[in-house]
Amino acid sequence: MTDPRTAPGADLPQWVAHVTALLGVDPGAVDVDRLLGLSSDVAHAVARPAVPVTMFVAGLAAAGRTPDEVAALLADVEAAARAWPEPA
């Protein structure tokens, strides 16, 4: 099966390279697999509309932090999503 992230017209690595260059971000700081996993956790444990908002907030919080600090921040968000209570 073809990886949908690299399918024609949906080349995620190419997009990441483009958008990081556009915004002046080190592409090495973008852990695509980790971010996709976090997005999945938020989508399934909280709600799909929470994904872009959560990722934006995490991005703001990550600004100026070291890679280890960003990893810890993402771990905190993952834990919070997994602990989010199921709707009553």
PDB file of N, CA and C in Angstrom:
ATOM      1  N   MET A   1       0.852  -1.186   0.000  1.00  0.00           N
ATOM      2  CA  MET A   1       0.000   0.000   0.000  1.00  0.00           C
ATOM      3  C   MET A   1       0.896   1.247   0.000  1.00  0.00           C
ATOM      4  N   THR A   2       0.511   2.232  -0.752  1.00  0.00           N
ATOM      5  CA  THR A   2       1.255   3.481  -0.834  1.00  0.00           C
ATOM      6  C   THR A   2       0.999   4.331   0.397  1.00  0.00           C
ATOM      7  N   ASP A   3       2.050   4.908   0.908  1.00  0.00           N
ATOM      8  CA  ASP A   3       1.925   5.813   2.061  1.00  0.00           C
ATOM      9  C   ASP A   3       1.177   7.062   1.595  1.00  0.00           C
ATOM     10  N   PRO A   4      -0.012   7.364   2.186  1.00  0.00           N
ATOM     11  CA  PRO A   4      -0.783   8.523   1.714  1.00  0.00           C
ATOM     12  C   PRO A   4      -0.061   9.852   1.913  1.00  0.00           C
ATOM     13  N   ARG A   5       0.938   9.865   2.798  1.00  0.00           N
ATOM     14  CA  ARG A   5       1.674  11.111   3.003  1.00  0.00           C
ATOM     15  C   ARG A   5       2.591  11.437   1.844  1.00  0.00           C
ATOM     16  N   THR A   6       2.873  10.452   0.996  1.00  0.00           N
ATOM     17  CA  THR A   6       3.757  10.701  -0.146  1.00  0.00           C
ATOM     18  C   THR A   6       3.059  10.445  -1.468  1.00  0.00           C
ATOM     19  N   ALA A   7       1.750  10.292  -1.462  1.00  0.00           N
ATOM     20  CA  ALA A   7       0.987  10.097  -2.693  1.00  0.00           C
ATOM     21  C   ALA A   7       1.077  11.352  -3.556  1.00  0.00           C
ATOM     22  N   PRO A   8       0.958  11.191  -4.871  1.00  0.00           N
ATOM     23  CA  PRO A   8       0.994  12.375  -5.746  1.00  0.00           C
ATOM     24  C   PRO A   8      -0.027  13.419  -5.295  1.00  0.00           C
ATOM     25  N   GLY A   9       0.424  14.634  -5.183  1.00  0.00           N
ATOM     26  CA  GLY A   9      -0.457  15.717  -4.752  1.00  0.00           C
ATOM     27  C   GLY A   9      -0.561  15.842  -3.241  1.00  0.00           C
ATOM     28  N   ALA A  10       0.006  14.904  -2.527  1.00  0.00           N
ATOM     29  CA  ALA A  10      -0.060  14.948  -1.058  1.00  0.00           C
ATOM     30  C   ALA A  10       1.301  14.596  -0.485  1.00  0.00           C
ATOM     31  N   ASP A  11       2.344  15.132  -1.061  1.00  0.00           N
ATOM     32  CA  ASP A  11       3.704  14.814  -0.648  1.00  0.00           C
ATOM     33  C   ASP A  11       4.047  15.560   0.634  1.00  0.00           C
ATOM     34  N   LEU A  12       3.808  14.904   1.752  1.00  0.00           N
ATOM     35  CA  LEU A  12       4.020  15.541   3.050  1.00  0.00           C
ATOM     36  C   LEU A  12       5.466  15.984   3.266  1.00  0.00           C
ATOM     37  N   PRO A  13       6.457  15.143   2.971  1.00  0.00           N
ATOM     38  CA  PRO A  13       7.831  15.628   3.147  1.00  0.00           C
ATOM     39  C   PRO A  13       8.133  16.878   2.318  1.00  0.00           C
ATOM     40  N   GLN A  14       7.624  16.913   1.094  1.00  0.00           N
ATOM     41  CA  GLN A  14       7.843  18.091   0.247  1.00  0.00           C
ATOM     42  C   GLN A  14       7.145  19.315   0.844  1.00  0.00           C
ATOM     43  N   TRP A  15       5.923  19.130   1.363  1.00  0.00           N
ATOM     44  CA  TRP A  15       5.192  20.227   1.979  1.00  0.00           C
ATOM     45  C   TRP A  15       5.930  20.738   3.212  1.00  0.00           C
ATOM     46  N   VAL A  16       6.403  19.827   4.047  1.00  0.00           N
ATOM     47  CA  VAL A  16       7.128  20.235   5.258  1.00  0.00           C
ATOM     48  C   VAL A  16       8.378  21.022   4.869  1.00  0.00           C
ATOM     49  N   ALA A  17       9.103  20.555   3.875  1.00  0.00           N
ATOM     50  CA  ALA A  17      10.288  21.287   3.417  1.00  0.00           C
ATOM     51  C   ALA A  17       9.911  22.678   2.921  1.00  0.00           C
ATOM     52  N   HIS A  18       8.817  22.757   2.189  1.00  0.00           N
ATOM     53  CA  HIS A  18       8.372  24.041   1.653  1.00  0.00           C
ATOM     54  C   HIS A  18       7.950  25.001   2.766  1.00  0.00           C
ATOM     55  N   VAL A  19       7.093  24.539   3.659  1.00  0.00           N
ATOM     56  CA  VAL A  19       6.544  25.438   4.677  1.00  0.00           C
ATOM     57  C   VAL A  19       7.599  25.818   5.725  1.00  0.00           C
ATOM     58  N   THR A  20       8.531  24.913   6.028  1.00  0.00           N
ATOM     59  CA  THR A  20       9.590  25.300   6.970  1.00  0.00           C
ATOM     60  C   THR A  20      10.504  26.343   6.349  1.00  0.00           C
ATOM     61  N   ALA A  21      10.812  26.201   5.068  1.00  0.00           N
ATOM     62  CA  ALA A  21      11.629  27.219   4.389  1.00  0.00           C
ATOM     63  C   ALA A  21      10.885  28.547   4.335  1.00  0.00           C
ATOM     64  N   LEU A  22       9.609  28.493   4.026  1.00  0.00           N
ATOM     65  CA  LEU A  22       8.792  29.703   3.943  1.00  0.00           C
ATOM     66  C   LEU A  22       8.770  30.465   5.265  1.00  0.00           C
ATOM     67  N   LEU A  23       8.671  29.715   6.374  1.00  0.00           N
ATOM     68  CA  LEU A  23       8.523  30.336   7.696  1.00  0.00           C
ATOM     69  C   LEU A  23       9.831  30.440   8.472  1.00  0.00           C
ATOM     70  N   GLY A  24      10.938  29.996   7.882  1.00  0.00           N
ATOM     71  CA  GLY A  24      12.228  30.098   8.546  1.00  0.00           C
ATOM     72  C   GLY A  24      12.375  29.172   9.741  1.00  0.00           C
ATOM     73  N   VAL A  25      11.830  27.971   9.620  1.00  0.00           N
ATOM     74  CA  VAL A  25      11.898  26.976  10.684  1.00  0.00           C
ATOM     75  C   VAL A  25      12.859  25.874  10.266  1.00  0.00           C
ATOM     76  N   ASP A  26      13.661  25.394  11.200  1.00  0.00           N
ATOM     77  CA  ASP A  26      14.565  24.285  10.936  1.00  0.00           C
ATOM     78  C   ASP A  26      13.741  23.026  10.682  1.00  0.00           C
ATOM     79  N   PRO A  27      13.820  22.440   9.485  1.00  0.00           N
ATOM     80  CA  PRO A  27      13.031  21.243   9.209  1.00  0.00           C
ATOM     81  C   PRO A  27      13.389  20.072  10.119  1.00  0.00           C
ATOM     82  N   GLY A  28      14.589  20.078  10.671  1.00  0.00           N
ATOM     83  CA  GLY A  28      14.993  19.034  11.611  1.00  0.00           C
ATOM     84  C   GLY A  28      14.218  19.088  12.912  1.00  0.00           C
ATOM     85  N   ALA A  29      13.574  20.211  13.167  1.00  0.00           N
ATOM     86  CA  ALA A  29      12.788  20.361  14.395  1.00  0.00           C
ATOM     87  C   ALA A  29      11.376  19.813  14.239  1.00  0.00           C
ATOM     88  N   VAL A  30      11.033  19.360  13.038  1.00  0.00           N
ATOM     89  CA  VAL A  30       9.676  18.898  12.758  1.00  0.00           C
ATOM     90  C   VAL A  30       9.665  17.368  12.738  1.00  0.00           C
ATOM     91  N   ASP A  31       9.178  16.775  13.811  1.00  0.00           N
ATOM     92  CA  ASP A  31       9.067  15.324  13.925  1.00  0.00           C
ATOM     93  C   ASP A  31       7.678  14.929  13.420  1.00  0.00           C
ATOM     94  N   VAL A  32       7.587  14.678  12.127  1.00  0.00           N
ATOM     95  CA  VAL A  32       6.301  14.437  11.484  1.00  0.00           C
ATOM     96  C   VAL A  32       5.564  13.266  12.131  1.00  0.00           C
ATOM     97  N   ASP A  33       6.246  12.158  12.350  1.00  0.00           N
ATOM     98  CA  ASP A  33       5.572  10.998  12.932  1.00  0.00           C
ATOM     99  C   ASP A  33       5.028  11.308  14.322  1.00  0.00           C
ATOM    100  N   ARG A  34       5.792  12.023  15.126  1.00  0.00           N
ATOM    101  CA  ARG A  34       5.342  12.386  16.476  1.00  0.00           C
ATOM    102  C   ARG A  34       4.125  13.305  16.399  1.00  0.00           C
ATOM    103  N   LEU A  35       4.165  14.282  15.503  1.00  0.00           N
ATOM    104  CA  LEU A  35       3.051  15.214  15.372  1.00  0.00           C
ATOM    105  C   LEU A  35       1.793  14.524  14.843  1.00  0.00           C
ATOM    106  N   LEU A  36       1.956  13.587  13.919  1.00  0.00           N
ATOM    107  CA  LEU A  36       0.803  12.839  13.422  1.00  0.00           C
ATOM    108  C   LEU A  36       0.217  11.961  14.524  1.00  0.00           C
ATOM    109  N   GLY A  37       1.074  11.362  15.335  1.00  0.00           N
ATOM    110  CA  GLY A  37       0.596  10.558  16.457  1.00  0.00           C
ATOM    111  C   GLY A  37      -0.160  11.401  17.461  1.00  0.00           C
ATOM    112  N   LEU A  38       0.378  12.570  17.771  1.00  0.00           N
ATOM    113  CA  LEU A  38      -0.295  13.483  18.700  1.00  0.00           C
ATOM    114  C   LEU A  38      -1.634  13.927  18.122  1.00  0.00           C
ATOM    115  N   SER A  39      -1.652  14.244  16.848  1.00  0.00           N
ATOM    116  CA  SER A  39      -2.907  14.643  16.205  1.00  0.00           C
ATOM    117  C   SER A  39      -3.948  13.533  16.296  1.00  0.00           C
ATOM    118  N   SER A  40      -3.516  12.306  16.098  1.00  0.00           N
ATOM    119  CA  SER A  40      -4.420  11.166  16.192  1.00  0.00           C
ATOM    120  C   SER A  40      -4.964  11.020  17.610  1.00  0.00           C
ATOM    121  N   ASP A  41      -4.085  11.164  18.605  1.00  0.00           N
ATOM    122  CA  ASP A  41      -4.524  11.075  20.007  1.00  0.00           C
ATOM    123  C   ASP A  41      -5.593  12.122  20.302  1.00  0.00           C
ATOM    124  N   VAL A  42      -5.352  13.344  19.878  1.00  0.00           N
ATOM    125  CA  VAL A  42      -6.304  14.428  20.136  1.00  0.00           C
ATOM    126  C   VAL A  42      -7.610  14.178  19.393  1.00  0.00           C
ATOM    127  N   ALA A  43      -7.516  13.769  18.137  1.00  0.00           N
ATOM    128  CA  ALA A  43      -8.721  13.529  17.335  1.00  0.00           C
ATOM    129  C   ALA A  43      -9.601  12.446  17.938  1.00  0.00           C
ATOM    130  N   HIS A  44      -8.975  11.381  18.442  1.00  0.00           N
ATOM    131  CA  HIS A  44      -9.750  10.262  18.958  1.00  0.00           C
ATOM    132  C   HIS A  44     -10.168  10.422  20.415  1.00  0.00           C
ATOM    133  N   ALA A  45      -9.365  11.108  21.210  1.00  0.00           N
ATOM    134  CA  ALA A  45      -9.683  11.227  22.639  1.00  0.00           C
ATOM    135  C   ALA A  45     -10.456  12.499  22.975  1.00  0.00           C
ATOM    136  N   VAL A  46     -10.263  13.534  22.200  1.00  0.00           N
ATOM    137  CA  VAL A  46     -10.933  14.813  22.490  1.00  0.00           C
ATOM    138  C   VAL A  46     -11.976  15.048  21.404  1.00  0.00           C
ATOM    139  N   ALA A  47     -11.555  15.528  20.248  1.00  0.00           N
ATOM    140  CA  ALA A  47     -12.454  15.743  19.111  1.00  0.00           C
ATOM    141  C   ALA A  47     -11.612  16.172  17.919  1.00  0.00           C
ATOM    142  N   ARG A  48     -12.067  15.831  16.727  1.00  0.00           N
ATOM    143  CA  ARG A  48     -11.326  16.209  15.519  1.00  0.00           C
ATOM    144  C   ARG A  48     -11.089  17.716  15.426  1.00  0.00           C
ATOM    145  N   PRO A  49     -12.095  18.554  15.718  1.00  0.00           N
ATOM    146  CA  PRO A  49     -11.842  19.994  15.617  1.00  0.00           C
ATOM    147  C   PRO A  49     -10.798  20.498  16.615  1.00  0.00           C
ATOM    148  N   ALA A  50     -10.506  19.706  17.633  1.00  0.00           N
ATOM    149  CA  ALA A  50      -9.490  20.111  18.609  1.00  0.00           C
ATOM    150  C   ALA A  50      -8.075  19.970  18.065  1.00  0.00           C
ATOM    151  N   VAL A  51      -7.898  19.206  16.986  1.00  0.00           N
ATOM    152  CA  VAL A  51      -6.549  18.951  16.461  1.00  0.00           C
ATOM    153  C   VAL A  51      -5.851  20.227  16.010  1.00  0.00           C
ATOM    154  N   PRO A  52      -6.396  20.995  15.066  1.00  0.00           N
ATOM    155  CA  PRO A  52      -5.637  22.173  14.621  1.00  0.00           C
ATOM    156  C   PRO A  52      -5.425  23.199  15.731  1.00  0.00           C
ATOM    157  N   VAL A  53      -6.415  23.348  16.591  1.00  0.00           N
ATOM    158  CA  VAL A  53      -6.272  24.310  17.690  1.00  0.00           C
ATOM    159  C   VAL A  53      -5.180  23.850  18.650  1.00  0.00           C
ATOM    160  N   THR A  54      -5.189  22.567  18.993  1.00  0.00           N
ATOM    161  CA  THR A  54      -4.176  22.014  19.894  1.00  0.00           C
ATOM    162  C   THR A  54      -2.784  22.154  19.298  1.00  0.00           C
ATOM    163  N   MET A  55      -2.655  21.852  18.013  1.00  0.00           N
ATOM    164  CA  MET A  55      -1.348  21.931  17.377  1.00  0.00           C
ATOM    165  C   MET A  55      -0.851  23.371  17.297  1.00  0.00           C
ATOM    166  N   PHE A  56      -1.759  24.308  17.088  1.00  0.00           N
ATOM    167  CA  PHE A  56      -1.377  25.721  17.064  1.00  0.00           C
ATOM    168  C   PHE A  56      -0.900  26.152  18.451  1.00  0.00           C
ATOM    169  N   VAL A  57      -1.646  25.784  19.485  1.00  0.00           N
ATOM    170  CA  VAL A  57      -1.256  26.145  20.854  1.00  0.00           C
ATOM    171  C   VAL A  57       0.088  25.497  21.205  1.00  0.00           C
ATOM    172  N   ALA A  58       0.261  24.236  20.846  1.00  0.00           N
ATOM    173  CA  ALA A  58       1.539  23.562  21.110  1.00  0.00           C
ATOM    174  C   ALA A  58       2.674  24.254  20.360  1.00  0.00           C
ATOM    175  N   GLY A  59       2.414  24.680  19.136  1.00  0.00           N
ATOM    176  CA  GLY A  59       3.427  25.398  18.367  1.00  0.00           C
ATOM    177  C   GLY A  59       3.816  26.717  19.008  1.00  0.00           C
ATOM    178  N   LEU A  60       2.831  27.435  19.502  1.00  0.00           N
ATOM    179  CA  LEU A  60       3.133  28.680  20.217  1.00  0.00           C
ATOM    180  C   LEU A  60       3.968  28.398  21.461  1.00  0.00           C
ATOM    181  N   ALA A  61       3.588  27.353  22.186  1.00  0.00           N
ATOM    182  CA  ALA A  61       4.326  27.010  23.409  1.00  0.00           C
ATOM    183  C   ALA A  61       5.738  26.529  23.095  1.00  0.00           C
ATOM    184  N   ALA A  62       5.931  25.913  21.940  1.00  0.00           N
ATOM    185  CA  ALA A  62       7.233  25.362  21.573  1.00  0.00           C
ATOM    186  C   ALA A  62       8.233  26.426  21.130  1.00  0.00           C
ATOM    187  N   ALA A  63       7.746  27.573  20.742  1.00  0.00           N
ATOM    188  CA  ALA A  63       8.623  28.628  20.218  1.00  0.00           C
ATOM    189  C   ALA A  63       9.741  28.963  21.205  1.00  0.00           C
ATOM    190  N   GLY A  64      10.953  28.904  20.719  1.00  0.00           N
ATOM    191  CA  GLY A  64      12.111  29.283  21.519  1.00  0.00           C
ATOM    192  C   GLY A  64      12.590  28.218  22.490  1.00  0.00           C
ATOM    193  N   ARG A  65      11.955  27.060  22.495  1.00  0.00           N
ATOM    194  CA  ARG A  65      12.370  25.985  23.408  1.00  0.00           C
ATOM    195  C   ARG A  65      13.368  25.057  22.726  1.00  0.00           C
ATOM    196  N   THR A  66      14.117  24.349  23.542  1.00  0.00           N
ATOM    197  CA  THR A  66      15.082  23.375  23.027  1.00  0.00           C
ATOM    198  C   THR A  66      14.328  22.143  22.522  1.00  0.00           C
ATOM    199  N   PRO A  67      14.970  21.329  21.705  1.00  0.00           N
ATOM    200  CA  PRO A  67      14.314  20.100  21.249  1.00  0.00           C
ATOM    201  C   PRO A  67      13.836  19.208  22.396  1.00  0.00           C
ATOM    202  N   ASP A  68      14.619  19.093  23.445  1.00  0.00           N
ATOM    203  CA  ASP A  68      14.197  18.286  24.596  1.00  0.00           C
ATOM    204  C   ASP A  68      12.984  18.894  25.286  1.00  0.00           C
ATOM    205  N   GLU A  69      12.945  20.214  25.384  1.00  0.00           N
ATOM    206  CA  GLU A  69      11.787  20.879  25.985  1.00  0.00           C
ATOM    207  C   GLU A  69      10.539  20.700  25.120  1.00  0.00           C
ATOM    208  N   VAL A  70      10.721  20.751  23.802  1.00  0.00           N
ATOM    209  CA  VAL A  70       9.587  20.538  22.893  1.00  0.00           C
ATOM    210  C   VAL A  70       9.078  19.108  23.038  1.00  0.00           C
ATOM    211  N   ALA A  71       9.979  18.139  23.114  1.00  0.00           N
ATOM    212  CA  ALA A  71       9.573  16.742  23.290  1.00  0.00           C
ATOM    213  C   ALA A  71       8.773  16.576  24.581  1.00  0.00           C
ATOM    214  N   ALA A  72       9.209  17.224  25.653  1.00  0.00           N
ATOM    215  CA  ALA A  72       8.485  17.144  26.928  1.00  0.00           C
ATOM    216  C   ALA A  72       7.121  17.810  26.823  1.00  0.00           C
ATOM    217  N   LEU A  73       7.069  18.932  26.130  1.00  0.00           N
ATOM    218  CA  LEU A  73       5.805  19.634  25.930  1.00  0.00           C
ATOM    219  C   LEU A  73       4.830  18.749  25.161  1.00  0.00           C
ATOM    220  N   LEU A  74       5.295  18.106  24.095  1.00  0.00           N
ATOM    221  CA  LEU A  74       4.428  17.228  23.312  1.00  0.00           C
ATOM    222  C   LEU A  74       3.977  16.027  24.133  1.00  0.00           C
ATOM    223  N   ALA A  75       4.867  15.508  24.977  1.00  0.00           N
ATOM    224  CA  ALA A  75       4.485  14.397  25.859  1.00  0.00           C
ATOM    225  C   ALA A  75       3.384  14.829  26.820  1.00  0.00           C
ATOM    226  N   ASP A  76       3.460  16.054  27.318  1.00  0.00           N
ATOM    227  CA  ASP A  76       2.412  16.571  28.208  1.00  0.00           C
ATOM    228  C   ASP A  76       1.073  16.666  27.480  1.00  0.00           C
ATOM    229  N   VAL A  77       1.096  17.135  26.231  1.00  0.00           N
ATOM    230  CA  VAL A  77      -0.140  17.254  25.459  1.00  0.00           C
ATOM    231  C   VAL A  77      -0.698  15.860  25.157  1.00  0.00           C
ATOM    232  N   GLU A  78       0.177  14.921  24.807  1.00  0.00           N
ATOM    233  CA  GLU A  78      -0.276  13.544  24.554  1.00  0.00           C
ATOM    234  C   GLU A  78      -0.942  12.962  25.798  1.00  0.00           C
ATOM    235  N   ALA A  79      -0.317  13.145  26.946  1.00  0.00           N
ATOM    236  CA  ALA A  79      -0.879  12.620  28.191  1.00  0.00           C
ATOM    237  C   ALA A  79      -2.219  13.276  28.503  1.00  0.00           C
ATOM    238  N   ALA A  80      -2.314  14.568  28.267  1.00  0.00           N
ATOM    239  CA  ALA A  80      -3.569  15.274  28.525  1.00  0.00           C
ATOM    240  C   ALA A  80      -4.679  14.763  27.613  1.00  0.00           C
ATOM    241  N   ALA A  81      -4.353  14.514  26.337  1.00  0.00           N
ATOM    242  CA  ALA A  81      -5.358  14.005  25.399  1.00  0.00           C
ATOM    243  C   ALA A  81      -5.816  12.611  25.803  1.00  0.00           C
ATOM    244  N   ARG A  82      -4.868  11.765  26.161  1.00  0.00           N
ATOM    245  CA  ARG A  82      -5.224  10.396  26.544  1.00  0.00           C
ATOM    246  C   ARG A  82      -6.032  10.347  27.829  1.00  0.00           C
ATOM    247  N   ALA A  83      -5.839  11.344  28.689  1.00  0.00           N
ATOM    248  CA  ALA A  83      -6.560  11.386  29.957  1.00  0.00           C
ATOM    249  C   ALA A  83      -7.905  12.109  29.862  1.00  0.00           C
ATOM    250  N   TRP A  84      -8.185  12.699  28.694  1.00  0.00           N
ATOM    251  CA  TRP A  84      -9.414  13.463  28.523  1.00  0.00           C
ATOM    252  C   TRP A  84     -10.618  12.553  28.763  1.00  0.00           C
ATOM    253  N   PRO A  85     -11.562  12.977  29.579  1.00  0.00           N
ATOM    254  CA  PRO A  85     -12.683  12.088  29.898  1.00  0.00           C
ATOM    255  C   PRO A  85     -13.606  11.863  28.702  1.00  0.00           C
ATOM    256  N   GLU A  86     -14.131  10.651  28.632  1.00  0.00           N
ATOM    257  CA  GLU A  86     -15.128  10.320  27.605  1.00  0.00           C
ATOM    258  C   GLU A  86     -16.394  11.114  27.886  1.00  0.00           C
ATOM    259  N   PRO A  87     -17.116  11.488  26.838  1.00  0.00           N
ATOM    260  CA  PRO A  87     -18.373  12.219  27.069  1.00  0.00           C
ATOM    261  C   PRO A  87     -19.343  11.357  27.881  1.00  0.00           C
ATOM    262  N   ALA A  88     -20.108  12.012  28.718  1.00  0.00           N
ATOM    263  CA  ALA A  88     -21.043  11.293  29.578  1.00  0.00           C
ATOM    264  C   ALA A  88     -22.228  10.756  28.802  1.00  0.00           C
TER     265      ALA A  88
END
